[in-house]
PDB file of N, CA and C in Angstrom:
ATOM      1  N   MET A   1       0.845  -1.133   0.071  1.00  0.00           N
ATOM      2  CA  MET A   1       0.157  -0.107  -0.175  1.00  0.00           C
ATOM      3  C   MET A   1       0.593   1.685  -0.153  1.00  0.00           C
ATOM      4  N   LEU A   2       1.888   0.918   1.342  1.00  0.00           N
ATOM      5  CA  LEU A   2       3.289   2.564   0.586  1.00  0.00           C
ATOM      6  C   LEU A   2       3.179   2.829  -0.760  1.00  0.00           C
ATOM      7  N   ALA A   3       3.683   1.942  -0.656  1.00  0.00           N
ATOM      8  CA  ALA A   3       4.736   1.851  -2.175  1.00  0.00           C
ATOM      9  C   ALA A   3       3.403   1.784  -3.283  1.00  0.00           C
ATOM     10  N   HIS A   4       2.698   1.631  -3.039  1.00  0.00           N
ATOM     11  CA  HIS A   4       1.064   3.046  -4.118  1.00  0.00           C
ATOM     12  C   HIS A   4       1.224   4.250  -3.995  1.00  0.00           C
ATOM     13  N   LEU A   5       1.153   4.144  -2.573  1.00  0.00           N
ATOM     14  CA  LEU A   5       0.882   6.205  -2.370  1.00  0.00           C
ATOM     15  C   LEU A   5       2.498   6.738  -2.605  1.00  0.00           C
ATOM     16  N   ARG A   6       3.156   6.138  -1.856  1.00  0.00           N
ATOM     17  CA  ARG A   6       4.658   7.011  -2.293  1.00  0.00           C
ATOM     18  C   ARG A   6       5.172   6.760  -3.923  1.00  0.00           C
ATOM     19  N   CYS A   7       5.002   5.470  -4.369  1.00  0.00           N
ATOM     20  CA  CYS A   7       6.254   6.050  -5.834  1.00  0.00           C
ATOM     21  C   CYS A   7       4.675   5.900  -7.238  1.00  0.00           C
ATOM     22  N   GLY A   8       3.710   5.777  -6.364  1.00  0.00           N
ATOM     23  CA  GLY A   8       2.614   5.318  -7.821  1.00  0.00           C
ATOM     24  C   GLY A   8       2.602   4.377  -8.446  1.00  0.00           C
ATOM     25  N   HIS A   9       2.524   3.204  -7.738  1.00  0.00           N
ATOM     26  CA  HIS A   9       2.995   2.058  -8.994  1.00  0.00           C
ATOM     27  C   HIS A   9       1.580   1.564  -8.865  1.00  0.00           C
ATOM     28  N   THR A  10       1.291   0.686 -10.173  1.00  0.00           N
ATOM     29  CA  THR A  10      -0.146   0.053 -10.575  1.00  0.00           C
ATOM     30  C   THR A  10      -0.500  -0.793  -9.633  1.00  0.00           C
ATOM     31  N   TYR A  11      -1.759  -1.415  -9.824  1.00  0.00           N
ATOM     32  CA  TYR A  11      -1.745  -2.812  -9.324  1.00  0.00           C
ATOM     33  C   TYR A  11      -1.196  -3.547  -9.401  1.00  0.00           C
ATOM     34  N   ALA A  12      -1.140  -3.756 -11.015  1.00  0.00           N
ATOM     35  CA  ALA A  12      -0.365  -4.791 -11.140  1.00  0.00           C
ATOM     36  C   ALA A  12       0.807  -4.947 -10.971  1.00  0.00           C
ATOM     37  N   GLN A  13       1.315  -3.973 -11.048  1.00  0.00           N
ATOM     38  CA  GLN A  13       2.854  -3.949 -10.688  1.00  0.00           C
ATOM     39  C   GLN A  13       2.870  -4.323  -9.009  1.00  0.00           C
ATOM     40  N   LEU A  14       2.064  -3.981  -8.144  1.00  0.00           N
ATOM     41  CA  LEU A  14       2.000  -3.895  -7.089  1.00  0.00           C
ATOM     42  C   LEU A  14       1.954  -5.816  -6.624  1.00  0.00           C
ATOM     43  N   ALA A  15       0.722  -6.222  -7.348  1.00  0.00           N
ATOM     44  CA  ALA A  15       0.629  -7.181  -7.638  1.00  0.00           C
ATOM     45  C   ALA A  15       1.463  -8.360  -7.921  1.00  0.00           C
ATOM     46  N   ALA A  16       2.061  -8.401  -8.855  1.00  0.00           N
ATOM     47  CA  ALA A  16       3.143  -8.655  -9.239  1.00  0.00           C
ATOM     48  C   ALA A  16       4.526  -9.027  -8.155  1.00  0.00           C
ATOM     49  N   GLY A  17       5.130  -7.778  -7.724  1.00  0.00           N
ATOM     50  CA  GLY A  17       6.116  -7.967  -6.773  1.00  0.00           C
ATOM     51  C   GLY A  17       5.653  -8.546  -5.316  1.00  0.00           C
ATOM     52  N   PHE A  18       4.117  -8.778  -4.821  1.00  0.00           N
ATOM     53  CA  PHE A  18       3.798  -8.795  -3.592  1.00  0.00           C
ATOM     54  C   PHE A  18       3.620 -10.645  -3.884  1.00  0.00           C
ATOM     55  N   GLY A  19       3.454 -10.954  -5.346  1.00  0.00           N
ATOM     56  CA  GLY A  19       2.806 -12.258  -5.497  1.00  0.00           C
ATOM     57  C   GLY A  19       1.425 -12.976  -5.148  1.00  0.00           C
ATOM     58  N   VAL A  20       0.315 -11.387  -5.305  1.00  0.00           N
ATOM     59  CA  VAL A  20      -0.708 -11.773  -4.795  1.00  0.00           C
ATOM     60  C   VAL A  20      -1.503 -11.071  -5.912  1.00  0.00           C
ATOM     61  N   GLY A  21      -3.124 -11.057  -6.252  1.00  0.00           N
ATOM     62  CA  GLY A  21      -3.383 -11.055  -7.598  1.00  0.00           C
ATOM     63  C   GLY A  21      -3.861  -9.280  -7.732  1.00  0.00           C
ATOM     64  N   THR A  22      -4.318  -9.018  -9.068  1.00  0.00           N
ATOM     65  CA  THR A  22      -4.693  -7.930  -8.797  1.00  0.00           C
ATOM     66  C   THR A  22      -5.887  -7.368  -8.279  1.00  0.00           C
ATOM     67  N   THR A  23      -6.198  -7.860  -7.926  1.00  0.00           N
ATOM     68  CA  THR A  23      -8.038  -7.875  -7.029  1.00  0.00           C
ATOM     69  C   THR A  23      -7.210  -7.274  -5.916  1.00  0.00           C
ATOM     70  N   THR A  24      -6.652  -8.504  -5.384  1.00  0.00           N
ATOM     71  CA  THR A  24      -6.142  -8.612  -4.106  1.00  0.00           C
ATOM     72  C   THR A  24      -5.609  -7.518  -3.440  1.00  0.00           C
ATOM     73  N   ALA A  25      -4.244  -6.788  -4.416  1.00  0.00           N
ATOM     74  CA  ALA A  25      -3.927  -5.368  -4.750  1.00  0.00           C
ATOM     75  C   ALA A  25      -4.774  -4.302  -4.631  1.00  0.00           C
ATOM     76  N   TYR A  26      -6.237  -4.770  -5.391  1.00  0.00           N
ATOM     77  CA  TYR A  26      -6.646  -3.752  -5.251  1.00  0.00           C
ATOM     78  C   TYR A  26      -7.173  -2.775  -3.777  1.00  0.00           C
ATOM     79  N   ARG A  27      -7.758  -4.738  -3.143  1.00  0.00           N
ATOM     80  CA  ARG A  27      -8.811  -4.692  -2.147  1.00  0.00           C
ATOM     81  C   ARG A  27      -7.667  -3.683  -0.726  1.00  0.00           C
ATOM     82  N   TYR A  28      -6.213  -4.422  -0.442  1.00  0.00           N
ATOM     83  CA  TYR A  28      -5.875  -4.434   0.305  1.00  0.00           C
ATOM     84  C   TYR A  28      -5.631  -2.242   0.443  1.00  0.00           C
ATOM     85  N   ILE A  29      -4.954  -1.578  -0.733  1.00  0.00           N
ATOM     86  CA  ILE A  29      -5.064  -0.283  -1.286  1.00  0.00           C
ATOM     87  C   ILE A  29      -6.338  -0.031  -0.753  1.00  0.00           C
ATOM     88  N   ALA A  30      -7.711  -0.765  -0.867  1.00  0.00           N
ATOM     89  CA  ALA A  30      -8.504   0.591  -1.064  1.00  0.00           C
ATOM     90  C   ALA A  30      -8.826  -0.296   0.623  1.00  0.00           C
ATOM     91  N   GLU A  31      -8.634  -0.806   1.573  1.00  0.00           N
ATOM     92  CA  GLU A  31      -9.100  -0.927   3.035  1.00  0.00           C
ATOM     93  C   GLU A  31      -7.903   0.413   3.545  1.00  0.00           C
ATOM     94  N   ALA A  32      -6.778   0.178   3.124  1.00  0.00           N
ATOM     95  CA  ALA A  32      -5.980   0.935   3.721  1.00  0.00           C
ATOM     96  C   ALA A  32      -5.994   2.057   3.998  1.00  0.00           C
ATOM     97  N   VAL A  33      -6.590   2.570   2.692  1.00  0.00           N
ATOM     98  CA  VAL A  33      -7.054   4.505   2.920  1.00  0.00           C
ATOM     99  C   VAL A  33      -8.025   4.505   3.138  1.00  0.00           C
ATOM    100  N   ASP A  34      -8.835   3.292   3.579  1.00  0.00           N
ATOM    101  CA  ASP A  34     -10.292   3.352   4.316  1.00  0.00           C
ATOM    102  C   ASP A  34      -9.802   3.861   5.517  1.00  0.00           C
ATOM    103  N   ILE A  35      -9.276   3.323   6.070  1.00  0.00           N
ATOM    104  CA  ILE A  35      -8.584   2.837   7.743  1.00  0.00           C
ATOM    105  C   ILE A  35      -7.590   4.610   7.698  1.00  0.00           C
ATOM    106  N   LEU A  36      -6.847   5.416   6.791  1.00  0.00           N
ATOM    107  CA  LEU A  36      -6.242   6.703   6.937  1.00  0.00           C
ATOM    108  C   LEU A  36      -7.013   7.081   6.756  1.00  0.00           C
ATOM    109  N   ALA A  37      -8.641   6.582   5.929  1.00  0.00           N
ATOM    110  CA  ALA A  37      -9.200   8.163   6.221  1.00  0.00           C
ATOM    111  C   ALA A  37     -10.283   8.279   7.535  1.00  0.00           C
ATOM    112  N   ALA A  38     -10.129   6.840   7.973  1.00  0.00           N
ATOM    113  CA  ALA A  38     -10.864   7.685   9.575  1.00  0.00           C
ATOM    114  C   ALA A  38     -10.066   7.785  10.473  1.00  0.00           C
ATOM    115  N   LEU A  39      -8.806   7.241  10.893  1.00  0.00           N
ATOM    116  CA  LEU A  39      -8.360   8.563  11.337  1.00  0.00           C
ATOM    117  C   LEU A  39      -7.745   9.886  10.934  1.00  0.00           C
ATOM    118  N   ALA A  40      -7.898  10.425   9.745  1.00  0.00           N
ATOM    119  CA  ALA A  40      -7.723  11.408   9.336  1.00  0.00           C
ATOM    120  C   ALA A  40      -8.575  12.836  10.391  1.00  0.00           C
ATOM    121  N   PRO A  41      -8.109  14.176  10.972  1.00  0.00           N
ATOM    122  CA  PRO A  41      -9.250  14.652  10.847  1.00  0.00           C
ATOM    123  C   PRO A  41      -9.968  15.169   9.822  1.00  0.00           C
ATOM    124  N   THR A  42     -11.188  16.010  10.185  1.00  0.00           N
ATOM    125  CA  THR A  42     -11.681  16.497   9.390  1.00  0.00           C
ATOM    126  C   THR A  42     -11.630  17.422   9.303  1.00  0.00           C
ATOM    127  N   LEU A  43     -12.138  18.422   7.763  1.00  0.00           N
ATOM    128  CA  LEU A  43     -11.345  19.962   7.875  1.00  0.00           C
ATOM    129  C   LEU A  43     -11.577  20.316   8.722  1.00  0.00           C
ATOM    130  N   ALA A  44     -13.108  20.626   9.724  1.00  0.00           N
ATOM    131  CA  ALA A  44     -12.849  21.631  10.321  1.00  0.00           C
ATOM    132  C   ALA A  44     -11.361  21.243  11.448  1.00  0.00           C
ATOM    133  N   GLU A  45     -10.878  20.182  12.140  1.00  0.00           N
ATOM    134  CA  GLU A  45     -10.476  20.297  13.219  1.00  0.00           C
ATOM    135  C   GLU A  45      -9.091  20.353  12.770  1.00  0.00           C
ATOM    136  N   ALA A  46      -8.259  20.102  10.864  1.00  0.00           N
ATOM    137  CA  ALA A  46      -7.518  20.957  10.624  1.00  0.00           C
ATOM    138  C   ALA A  46      -7.076  22.451  11.169  1.00  0.00           C
ATOM    139  N   VAL A  47      -8.117  22.595  10.435  1.00  0.00           N
ATOM    140  CA  VAL A  47      -8.200  23.881  10.606  1.00  0.00           C
ATOM    141  C   VAL A  47      -7.992  24.702  11.675  1.00  0.00           C
ATOM    142  N   ARG A  48      -8.709  24.773  12.482  1.00  0.00           N
ATOM    143  CA  ARG A  48      -8.715  24.596  14.114  1.00  0.00           C
ATOM    144  C   ARG A  48      -7.298  24.199  14.510  1.00  0.00           C
ATOM    145  N   THR A  49      -6.818  23.276  13.910  1.00  0.00           N
ATOM    146  CA  THR A  49      -5.515  23.229  14.565  1.00  0.00           C
ATOM    147  C   THR A  49      -4.369  24.197  14.105  1.00  0.00           C
ATOM    148  N   ALA A  50      -4.739  24.292  12.358  1.00  0.00           N
ATOM    149  CA  ALA A  50      -3.850  24.866  11.876  1.00  0.00           C
ATOM    150  C   ALA A  50      -3.814  26.685  12.104  1.00  0.00           C
ATOM    151  N   SER A  51      -5.162  26.716  13.025  1.00  0.00           N
ATOM    152  CA  SER A  51      -5.363  28.562  13.825  1.00  0.00           C
ATOM    153  C   SER A  51      -4.555  28.727  14.147  1.00  0.00           C
ATOM    154  N   GLY A  52      -3.959  27.838  15.394  1.00  0.00           N
ATOM    155  CA  GLY A  52      -2.885  28.200  16.717  1.00  0.00           C
ATOM    156  C   GLY A  52      -1.450  28.182  15.867  1.00  0.00           C
ATOM    157  N   LYS A  53      -1.568  27.807  14.796  1.00  0.00           N
ATOM    158  CA  LYS A  53       0.155  27.094  13.895  1.00  0.00           C
ATOM    159  C   LYS A  53       0.617  29.183  13.591  1.00  0.00           C
ATOM    160  N   ALA A  54       1.888  29.264  13.413  1.00  0.00           N
ATOM    161  CA  ALA A  54       2.705  30.343  13.136  1.00  0.00           C
ATOM    162  C   ALA A  54       2.640  30.123  11.435  1.00  0.00           C
ATOM    163  N   PHE A  55       2.721  28.492  11.243  1.00  0.00           N
ATOM    164  CA  PHE A  55       2.449  27.980   9.555  1.00  0.00           C
ATOM    165  C   PHE A  55       2.185  26.744   9.799  1.00  0.00           C
ATOM    166  N   VAL A  56       2.005  26.381   8.673  1.00  0.00           N
ATOM    167  CA  VAL A  56       1.147  24.910   8.112  1.00  0.00           C
ATOM    168  C   VAL A  56       1.977  24.717   6.398  1.00  0.00           C
ATOM    169  N   ILE A  57       2.293  23.587   6.247  1.00  0.00           N
ATOM    170  CA  ILE A  57       2.789  22.133   5.891  1.00  0.00           C
ATOM    171  C   ILE A  57       1.728  21.902   4.629  1.00  0.00           C
ATOM    172  N   LEU A  58       1.480  22.098   3.615  1.00  0.00           N
ATOM    173  CA  LEU A  58       0.517  21.632   3.407  1.00  0.00           C
ATOM    174  C   LEU A  58       0.871  20.531   1.625  1.00  0.00           C
ATOM    175  N   ASP A  59       0.562  19.868   1.660  1.00  0.00           N
ATOM    176  CA  ASP A  59       0.573  18.738   0.520  1.00  0.00           C
ATOM    177  C   ASP A  59       3.406  19.138   0.240  1.00  0.00           C
ATOM    178  N   GLY A  60       3.738  19.355   1.504  1.00  0.00           N
ATOM    179  CA  GLY A  60       4.621  19.669   1.237  1.00  0.00           C
ATOM    180  C   GLY A  60       5.461  20.696   1.153  1.00  0.00           C
ATOM    181  N   THR A  61       4.459  22.006   0.693  1.00  0.00           N
ATOM    182  CA  THR A  61       4.981  22.999   0.803  1.00  0.00           C
ATOM    183  C   THR A  61       4.171  23.880   1.797  1.00  0.00           C
ATOM    184  N   ALA A  62       5.031  24.970   2.047  1.00  0.00           N
ATOM    185  CA  ALA A  62       4.375  25.880   3.894  1.00  0.00           C
ATOM    186  C   ALA A  62       3.937  27.129   2.957  1.00  0.00           C
ATOM    187  N   ALA A  63       3.177  26.682   4.281  1.00  0.00           N
ATOM    188  CA  ALA A  63       2.100  28.070   3.700  1.00  0.00           C
ATOM    189  C   ALA A  63       2.063  29.396   4.386  1.00  0.00           C
ATOM    190  N   ASP A  64       3.074  30.267   4.567  1.00  0.00           N
ATOM    191  CA  ASP A  64       3.096  31.413   5.360  1.00  0.00           C
ATOM    192  C   ASP A  64       1.246  31.922   5.364  1.00  0.00           C
ATOM    193  N   ARG A  65       1.298  32.831   7.450  1.00  0.00           N
ATOM    194  CA  ARG A  65       0.427  32.925   7.611  1.00  0.00           C
ATOM    195  C   ARG A  65       0.456  34.467   8.239  1.00  0.00           C
ATOM    196  N   PRO A  66       0.260  35.521   6.908  1.00  0.00           N
ATOM    197  CA  PRO A  66       1.253  37.038   7.738  1.00  0.00           C
ATOM    198  C   PRO A  66       0.351  37.476   8.667  1.00  0.00           C
ATOM    199  N   ASP A  67      -1.044  37.409   8.651  1.00  0.00           N
ATOM    200  CA  ASP A  67      -1.548  37.665   9.495  1.00  0.00           C
ATOM    201  C   ASP A  67      -2.442  36.347  10.670  1.00  0.00           C
ATOM    202  N   ARG A  68      -1.888  36.214  11.498  1.00  0.00           N
ATOM    203  CA  ARG A  68      -2.821  35.341  12.394  1.00  0.00           C
ATOM    204  C   ARG A  68      -4.406  35.317  12.739  1.00  0.00           C
ATOM    205  N   ARG A  69      -4.556  36.154  12.772  1.00  0.00           N
ATOM    206  CA  ARG A  69      -5.696  36.232  13.384  1.00  0.00           C
ATOM    207  C   ARG A  69      -7.132  35.682  12.260  1.00  0.00           C
ATOM    208  N   ARG A  70      -6.549  35.712  11.390  1.00  0.00           N
ATOM    209  CA  ARG A  70      -7.647  35.759  10.404  1.00  0.00           C
ATOM    210  C   ARG A  70      -6.456  34.445   9.189  1.00  0.00           C
ATOM    211  N   PRO A  71      -7.447  32.716   9.551  1.00  0.00           N
ATOM    212  CA  PRO A  71      -7.078  31.742   8.876  1.00  0.00           C
ATOM    213  C   PRO A  71      -7.351  31.612   7.318  1.00  0.00           C
ATOM    214  N   THR A  72      -6.398  31.344   6.830  1.00  0.00           N
ATOM    215  CA  THR A  72      -5.608  31.271   5.425  1.00  0.00           C
ATOM    216  C   THR A  72      -5.588  30.538   4.974  1.00  0.00           C
ATOM    217  N   LEU A  73      -5.808  30.098   3.179  1.00  0.00           N
ATOM    218  CA  LEU A  73      -6.025  28.723   3.338  1.00  0.00           C
ATOM    219  C   LEU A  73      -5.495  28.876   1.644  1.00  0.00           C
ATOM    220  N   LEU A  74      -4.440  27.857   1.582  1.00  0.00           N
ATOM    221  CA  LEU A  74      -3.177  28.154   0.628  1.00  0.00           C
ATOM    222  C   LEU A  74      -3.779  26.822  -0.834  1.00  0.00           C
ATOM    223  N   LEU A  75      -4.018  27.503  -1.579  1.00  0.00           N
ATOM    224  CA  LEU A  75      -5.042  26.491  -3.098  1.00  0.00           C
ATOM    225  C   LEU A  75      -3.958  26.552  -3.541  1.00  0.00           C
ATOM    226  N   ARG A  76      -3.491  24.820  -3.838  1.00  0.00           N
ATOM    227  CA  ARG A  76      -2.386  24.719  -5.378  1.00  0.00           C
ATOM    228  C   ARG A  76      -2.582  23.674  -5.884  1.00  0.00           C
ATOM    229  N   GLU A  77      -3.368  23.784  -7.022  1.00  0.00           N
ATOM    230  CA  GLU A  77      -3.524  22.548  -8.097  1.00  0.00           C
ATOM    231  C   GLU A  77      -2.002  22.136  -8.797  1.00  0.00           C
ATOM    232  N   THR A  78      -2.604  20.716  -9.419  1.00  0.00           N
ATOM    233  CA  THR A  78      -1.125  20.395  -9.435  1.00  0.00           C
ATOM    234  C   THR A  78      -0.949  19.205 -10.536  1.00  0.00           C
TER     235      THR A  78
END
């Protein structure tokens, strides 16, 4: 699962590498993503936490907040 998220390997590549079927690789990834999503904070919780910080890192990008009284959301298309 980490190989898929980190390196972008296809399901077929993962299946071949781990000696399982493609459907099994897909299911493992789907289950892991569901678990990670359940553990992740909600958007409101994340914004509340970020509002108390001097800066936050979004997708590897440092987002400077010059006005700490007002939350700033930095969106970047990839």
